[in-house]
Structures are given as structure tokens and as C-alpha cells.
N, C-alpha and C. Protein backbone atom coordinates (compact mmCIF):
# COMPACT_ATOMS: atom_id res chain seq x y z
N MET A 1 -134.08 11.71 -6.81
CA MET A 1 -133.38 12.87 -7.30
C MET A 1 -134.32 13.69 -8.18
N THR A 2 -134.44 14.97 -7.91
CA THR A 2 -135.31 15.84 -8.66
C THR A 2 -134.70 16.12 -10.03
N PRO A 3 -135.47 15.96 -11.11
CA PRO A 3 -134.92 16.26 -12.43
C PRO A 3 -134.55 17.74 -12.53
N SER A 4 -133.42 18.00 -13.11
CA SER A 4 -133.00 19.39 -13.28
C SER A 4 -133.41 19.89 -14.66
N ILE A 5 -133.33 21.18 -14.82
CA ILE A 5 -133.69 21.81 -16.08
C ILE A 5 -132.64 21.49 -17.13
N ILE A 6 -133.08 21.22 -18.34
CA ILE A 6 -132.16 20.99 -19.45
C ILE A 6 -131.97 22.31 -20.18
N LEU A 7 -130.73 22.71 -20.28
CA LEU A 7 -130.38 23.96 -20.94
C LEU A 7 -129.91 23.70 -22.36
N HIS A 8 -129.97 24.72 -23.21
CA HIS A 8 -129.58 24.58 -24.61
C HIS A 8 -128.62 25.70 -24.97
N GLU A 9 -127.49 25.34 -25.53
CA GLU A 9 -126.54 26.29 -26.09
C GLU A 9 -126.46 26.00 -27.59
N ASP A 10 -126.69 27.01 -28.40
CA ASP A 10 -126.73 26.84 -29.85
C ASP A 10 -125.76 27.83 -30.50
N GLY A 11 -124.73 27.30 -31.16
CA GLY A 11 -123.75 28.14 -31.84
C GLY A 11 -123.94 28.10 -33.34
N ASP A 12 -123.00 28.68 -34.06
CA ASP A 12 -123.09 28.73 -35.52
C ASP A 12 -123.01 27.35 -36.15
N THR A 13 -122.13 26.48 -35.61
CA THR A 13 -121.92 25.17 -36.23
C THR A 13 -122.17 24.00 -35.28
N LYS A 14 -122.24 24.28 -33.99
CA LYS A 14 -122.41 23.22 -33.00
C LYS A 14 -123.35 23.70 -31.90
N GLY A 15 -123.81 22.73 -31.12
CA GLY A 15 -124.64 23.07 -29.97
C GLY A 15 -124.66 21.93 -28.98
N ARG A 16 -125.35 22.18 -27.88
CA ARG A 16 -125.47 21.12 -26.88
C ARG A 16 -126.69 21.36 -26.01
N PHE A 17 -127.20 20.27 -25.48
CA PHE A 17 -128.21 20.28 -24.44
C PHE A 17 -127.51 19.73 -23.21
N TRP A 18 -127.71 20.36 -22.08
CA TRP A 18 -126.98 19.90 -20.90
C TRP A 18 -127.78 20.20 -19.64
N THR A 19 -127.41 19.47 -18.62
CA THR A 19 -128.03 19.65 -17.32
C THR A 19 -126.98 19.37 -16.25
N GLU A 20 -127.16 19.98 -15.11
CA GLU A 20 -126.25 19.76 -13.99
C GLU A 20 -127.06 19.45 -12.75
N THR A 21 -126.70 18.37 -12.08
CA THR A 21 -127.35 17.96 -10.85
C THR A 21 -126.28 17.62 -9.83
N LYS A 22 -126.28 18.34 -8.72
CA LYS A 22 -125.31 18.11 -7.65
C LYS A 22 -123.88 18.05 -8.18
N GLY A 23 -123.54 18.97 -9.07
CA GLY A 23 -122.19 19.05 -9.59
C GLY A 23 -121.87 18.11 -10.74
N ALA A 24 -122.78 17.21 -11.08
CA ALA A 24 -122.57 16.27 -12.18
C ALA A 24 -123.24 16.83 -13.44
N VAL A 25 -122.47 16.94 -14.53
CA VAL A 25 -122.97 17.51 -15.77
C VAL A 25 -123.17 16.40 -16.80
N ALA A 26 -124.37 16.36 -17.38
CA ALA A 26 -124.69 15.45 -18.48
C ALA A 26 -124.95 16.30 -19.70
N GLU A 27 -124.52 15.82 -20.89
CA GLU A 27 -124.76 16.61 -22.08
C GLU A 27 -124.95 15.76 -23.32
N LEU A 28 -125.63 16.35 -24.27
CA LEU A 28 -125.80 15.79 -25.61
C LEU A 28 -125.28 16.87 -26.55
N THR A 29 -124.33 16.51 -27.41
CA THR A 29 -123.77 17.48 -28.33
C THR A 29 -124.19 17.18 -29.77
N TYR A 30 -124.23 18.24 -30.57
CA TYR A 30 -124.58 18.07 -31.97
C TYR A 30 -123.81 19.05 -32.84
N SER A 31 -123.71 18.70 -34.10
CA SER A 31 -123.15 19.57 -35.13
C SER A 31 -124.27 19.92 -36.09
N LYS A 32 -124.18 21.07 -36.71
CA LYS A 32 -125.19 21.48 -37.68
C LYS A 32 -124.72 21.09 -39.08
N ALA A 33 -125.64 20.55 -39.85
CA ALA A 33 -125.39 20.23 -41.25
C ALA A 33 -126.32 21.13 -42.06
N GLY A 34 -125.90 22.33 -42.28
CA GLY A 34 -126.75 23.32 -42.93
C GLY A 34 -127.74 23.89 -41.92
N SER A 35 -128.80 24.47 -42.43
CA SER A 35 -129.78 25.10 -41.53
C SER A 35 -130.96 24.19 -41.20
N ALA A 36 -130.99 23.00 -41.80
CA ALA A 36 -132.16 22.14 -41.63
C ALA A 36 -131.87 20.79 -40.99
N MET A 37 -130.62 20.55 -40.56
CA MET A 37 -130.30 19.25 -39.96
C MET A 37 -129.26 19.40 -38.87
N ILE A 38 -129.45 18.61 -37.80
CA ILE A 38 -128.42 18.48 -36.79
C ILE A 38 -127.97 17.02 -36.74
N ILE A 39 -126.72 16.85 -36.40
CA ILE A 39 -126.13 15.51 -36.25
C ILE A 39 -125.80 15.35 -34.78
N ILE A 40 -126.55 14.49 -34.10
CA ILE A 40 -126.24 14.21 -32.69
C ILE A 40 -125.03 13.30 -32.66
N ASP A 41 -123.93 13.82 -32.10
CA ASP A 41 -122.68 13.07 -32.16
C ASP A 41 -122.22 12.46 -30.84
N HIS A 42 -122.80 12.93 -29.72
CA HIS A 42 -122.33 12.38 -28.44
C HIS A 42 -123.34 12.67 -27.32
N THR A 43 -123.52 11.69 -26.48
CA THR A 43 -124.30 11.87 -25.25
C THR A 43 -123.43 11.36 -24.11
N SER A 44 -123.30 12.17 -23.08
CA SER A 44 -122.45 11.82 -21.94
C SER A 44 -123.25 12.00 -20.65
N VAL A 45 -123.33 10.92 -19.89
CA VAL A 45 -124.01 10.97 -18.60
C VAL A 45 -123.05 10.40 -17.56
N PRO A 46 -122.64 11.21 -16.58
CA PRO A 46 -121.69 10.71 -15.58
C PRO A 46 -122.31 9.63 -14.70
N ASP A 47 -121.47 8.84 -14.10
CA ASP A 47 -121.94 7.72 -13.26
C ASP A 47 -122.95 8.16 -12.21
N ALA A 48 -122.77 9.34 -11.65
CA ALA A 48 -123.68 9.82 -10.59
C ALA A 48 -125.11 10.00 -11.09
N LEU A 49 -125.30 10.13 -12.42
CA LEU A 49 -126.64 10.35 -12.98
C LEU A 49 -127.16 9.16 -13.77
N ARG A 50 -126.38 8.12 -13.87
CA ARG A 50 -126.84 6.95 -14.63
C ARG A 50 -128.03 6.31 -13.93
N GLY A 51 -128.96 5.82 -14.75
CA GLY A 51 -130.14 5.17 -14.22
C GLY A 51 -131.23 6.14 -13.77
N THR A 52 -131.02 7.43 -14.01
CA THR A 52 -132.01 8.43 -13.59
C THR A 52 -132.89 8.90 -14.74
N GLY A 53 -132.62 8.42 -15.95
CA GLY A 53 -133.38 8.86 -17.12
C GLY A 53 -132.85 10.16 -17.72
N THR A 54 -131.73 10.64 -17.21
CA THR A 54 -131.18 11.90 -17.68
C THR A 54 -130.81 11.84 -19.16
N GLY A 55 -130.18 10.77 -19.60
CA GLY A 55 -129.79 10.65 -21.00
C GLY A 55 -131.00 10.67 -21.92
N ALA A 56 -132.04 9.93 -21.56
CA ALA A 56 -133.27 9.90 -22.36
C ALA A 56 -133.92 11.28 -22.40
N ARG A 57 -133.86 12.01 -21.28
CA ARG A 57 -134.43 13.36 -21.24
C ARG A 57 -133.67 14.31 -22.15
N LEU A 58 -132.36 14.14 -22.25
CA LEU A 58 -131.56 14.96 -23.15
C LEU A 58 -131.96 14.70 -24.61
N VAL A 59 -132.11 13.44 -24.96
CA VAL A 59 -132.51 13.10 -26.33
C VAL A 59 -133.92 13.63 -26.61
N GLU A 60 -134.82 13.46 -25.66
CA GLU A 60 -136.18 13.97 -25.85
C GLU A 60 -136.17 15.48 -26.07
N ARG A 61 -135.38 16.20 -25.31
CA ARG A 61 -135.30 17.66 -25.47
C ARG A 61 -134.76 18.02 -26.85
N ALA A 62 -133.78 17.25 -27.35
CA ALA A 62 -133.25 17.50 -28.69
C ALA A 62 -134.33 17.28 -29.75
N VAL A 63 -135.14 16.25 -29.56
CA VAL A 63 -136.23 15.96 -30.50
C VAL A 63 -137.25 17.10 -30.48
N VAL A 64 -137.63 17.55 -29.30
CA VAL A 64 -138.59 18.64 -29.18
C VAL A 64 -138.05 19.91 -29.84
N GLU A 65 -136.80 20.21 -29.57
CA GLU A 65 -136.18 21.40 -30.16
C GLU A 65 -136.09 21.29 -31.68
N ALA A 66 -135.77 20.08 -32.17
CA ALA A 66 -135.70 19.86 -33.62
C ALA A 66 -137.06 20.12 -34.26
N ARG A 67 -138.11 19.65 -33.64
CA ARG A 67 -139.45 19.91 -34.18
C ARG A 67 -139.74 21.40 -34.24
N GLN A 68 -139.44 22.09 -33.16
CA GLN A 68 -139.73 23.53 -33.09
C GLN A 68 -138.92 24.32 -34.10
N ALA A 69 -137.67 23.90 -34.33
CA ALA A 69 -136.80 24.63 -35.25
C ALA A 69 -136.94 24.17 -36.70
N GLY A 70 -137.67 23.07 -36.91
CA GLY A 70 -137.80 22.53 -38.26
C GLY A 70 -136.59 21.76 -38.73
N TRP A 71 -135.79 21.24 -37.78
CA TRP A 71 -134.60 20.47 -38.10
C TRP A 71 -134.94 19.00 -38.29
N LYS A 72 -134.18 18.33 -39.13
CA LYS A 72 -134.13 16.88 -39.17
C LYS A 72 -132.94 16.47 -38.31
N VAL A 73 -132.97 15.23 -37.82
CA VAL A 73 -131.92 14.74 -36.92
C VAL A 73 -131.27 13.50 -37.50
N LEU A 74 -129.96 13.49 -37.50
CA LEU A 74 -129.16 12.32 -37.85
C LEU A 74 -128.45 11.89 -36.57
N PRO A 75 -128.93 10.83 -35.91
CA PRO A 75 -128.32 10.40 -34.65
C PRO A 75 -127.14 9.46 -34.86
N LEU A 76 -125.93 10.00 -34.91
CA LEU A 76 -124.74 9.16 -35.02
C LEU A 76 -124.34 8.58 -33.67
N CYS A 77 -124.71 9.24 -32.60
CA CYS A 77 -124.45 8.74 -31.25
C CYS A 77 -125.28 7.48 -31.03
N PRO A 78 -124.65 6.36 -30.67
CA PRO A 78 -125.39 5.11 -30.47
C PRO A 78 -126.51 5.22 -29.43
N PHE A 79 -126.27 5.96 -28.35
CA PHE A 79 -127.29 6.10 -27.32
C PHE A 79 -128.50 6.85 -27.86
N ALA A 80 -128.27 7.98 -28.52
CA ALA A 80 -129.38 8.77 -29.07
C ALA A 80 -130.12 7.96 -30.12
N LYS A 81 -129.40 7.25 -30.95
CA LYS A 81 -130.02 6.43 -32.00
C LYS A 81 -130.93 5.37 -31.36
N ALA A 82 -130.46 4.72 -30.32
CA ALA A 82 -131.26 3.69 -29.64
C ALA A 82 -132.49 4.30 -28.97
N GLN A 83 -132.34 5.46 -28.35
CA GLN A 83 -133.48 6.10 -27.70
C GLN A 83 -134.56 6.50 -28.71
N ILE A 84 -134.14 7.06 -29.83
CA ILE A 84 -135.10 7.45 -30.86
C ILE A 84 -135.79 6.21 -31.44
N ALA A 85 -135.03 5.13 -31.60
CA ALA A 85 -135.62 3.89 -32.12
C ALA A 85 -136.67 3.32 -31.16
N LYS A 86 -136.51 3.54 -29.85
CA LYS A 86 -137.45 3.03 -28.85
C LYS A 86 -138.76 3.82 -28.82
N HIS A 87 -138.74 5.03 -29.34
CA HIS A 87 -139.90 5.92 -29.27
C HIS A 87 -140.43 6.24 -30.66
N ALA A 88 -141.44 5.53 -31.08
CA ALA A 88 -142.01 5.75 -32.42
C ALA A 88 -142.45 7.19 -32.62
N ASP A 89 -142.88 7.84 -31.55
CA ASP A 89 -143.37 9.21 -31.65
C ASP A 89 -142.23 10.23 -31.77
N TRP A 90 -140.99 9.81 -31.71
CA TRP A 90 -139.85 10.72 -31.89
C TRP A 90 -139.29 10.61 -33.30
N GLN A 91 -139.68 9.59 -34.04
CA GLN A 91 -139.02 9.27 -35.29
C GLN A 91 -139.39 10.20 -36.45
N ASP A 92 -140.34 11.09 -36.23
CA ASP A 92 -140.69 12.05 -37.29
C ASP A 92 -139.56 13.02 -37.59
N VAL A 93 -138.60 13.16 -36.68
CA VAL A 93 -137.50 14.09 -36.91
C VAL A 93 -136.34 13.46 -37.70
N LEU A 94 -136.40 12.16 -37.91
CA LEU A 94 -135.32 11.49 -38.64
C LEU A 94 -135.34 11.86 -40.11
């Protein structure tokens, strides 16, 4: 399965990273805690996309975006927290 593009929607208080592949939508949602921190609260990957690395790609995109925006990340989502813990090079955003 070809990886799809990860899109970003950023609102005043919340945002999400999401991707759609063959009608299946995966997303990572976050809330903003001021202008310098996001709280990753949920990652959802449908069964059709499980095992494809889609969830890890969503977390990685959030980390990259956090670096670019100067945000710190509080991963309350267990999946995002585990992914960041697995990657020492992502932990600078914590």
C-alpha cells in the first residue's frame, strides 16, 4: 500500500493530522495548551490501515510540526506516548 500524504488542520484550540487511504481515515488529534504546547489526546487508525505504519507516521508528523512551530508536546494518548518513547530522536519535543 502506497503511503498517503498526511494533512494538517490547525484551529484556535484544537487540531489534527490525518490521512485517507482507500476510504479509510486515520487521525491524530491534539488540543492546544497556550501557544507553546500541544496535548496529543487521541490517535485512531482503522483496521484497514493497521500494520502499515500509518499511526507511527502520524506521530512523526506531529513531532516534525511541533519542532517547526516551536511547540512542546504532552502525549496523553498511549499510542503517541509509546511511539515517542521508542524514538530517542523525537523526545526533544517533550
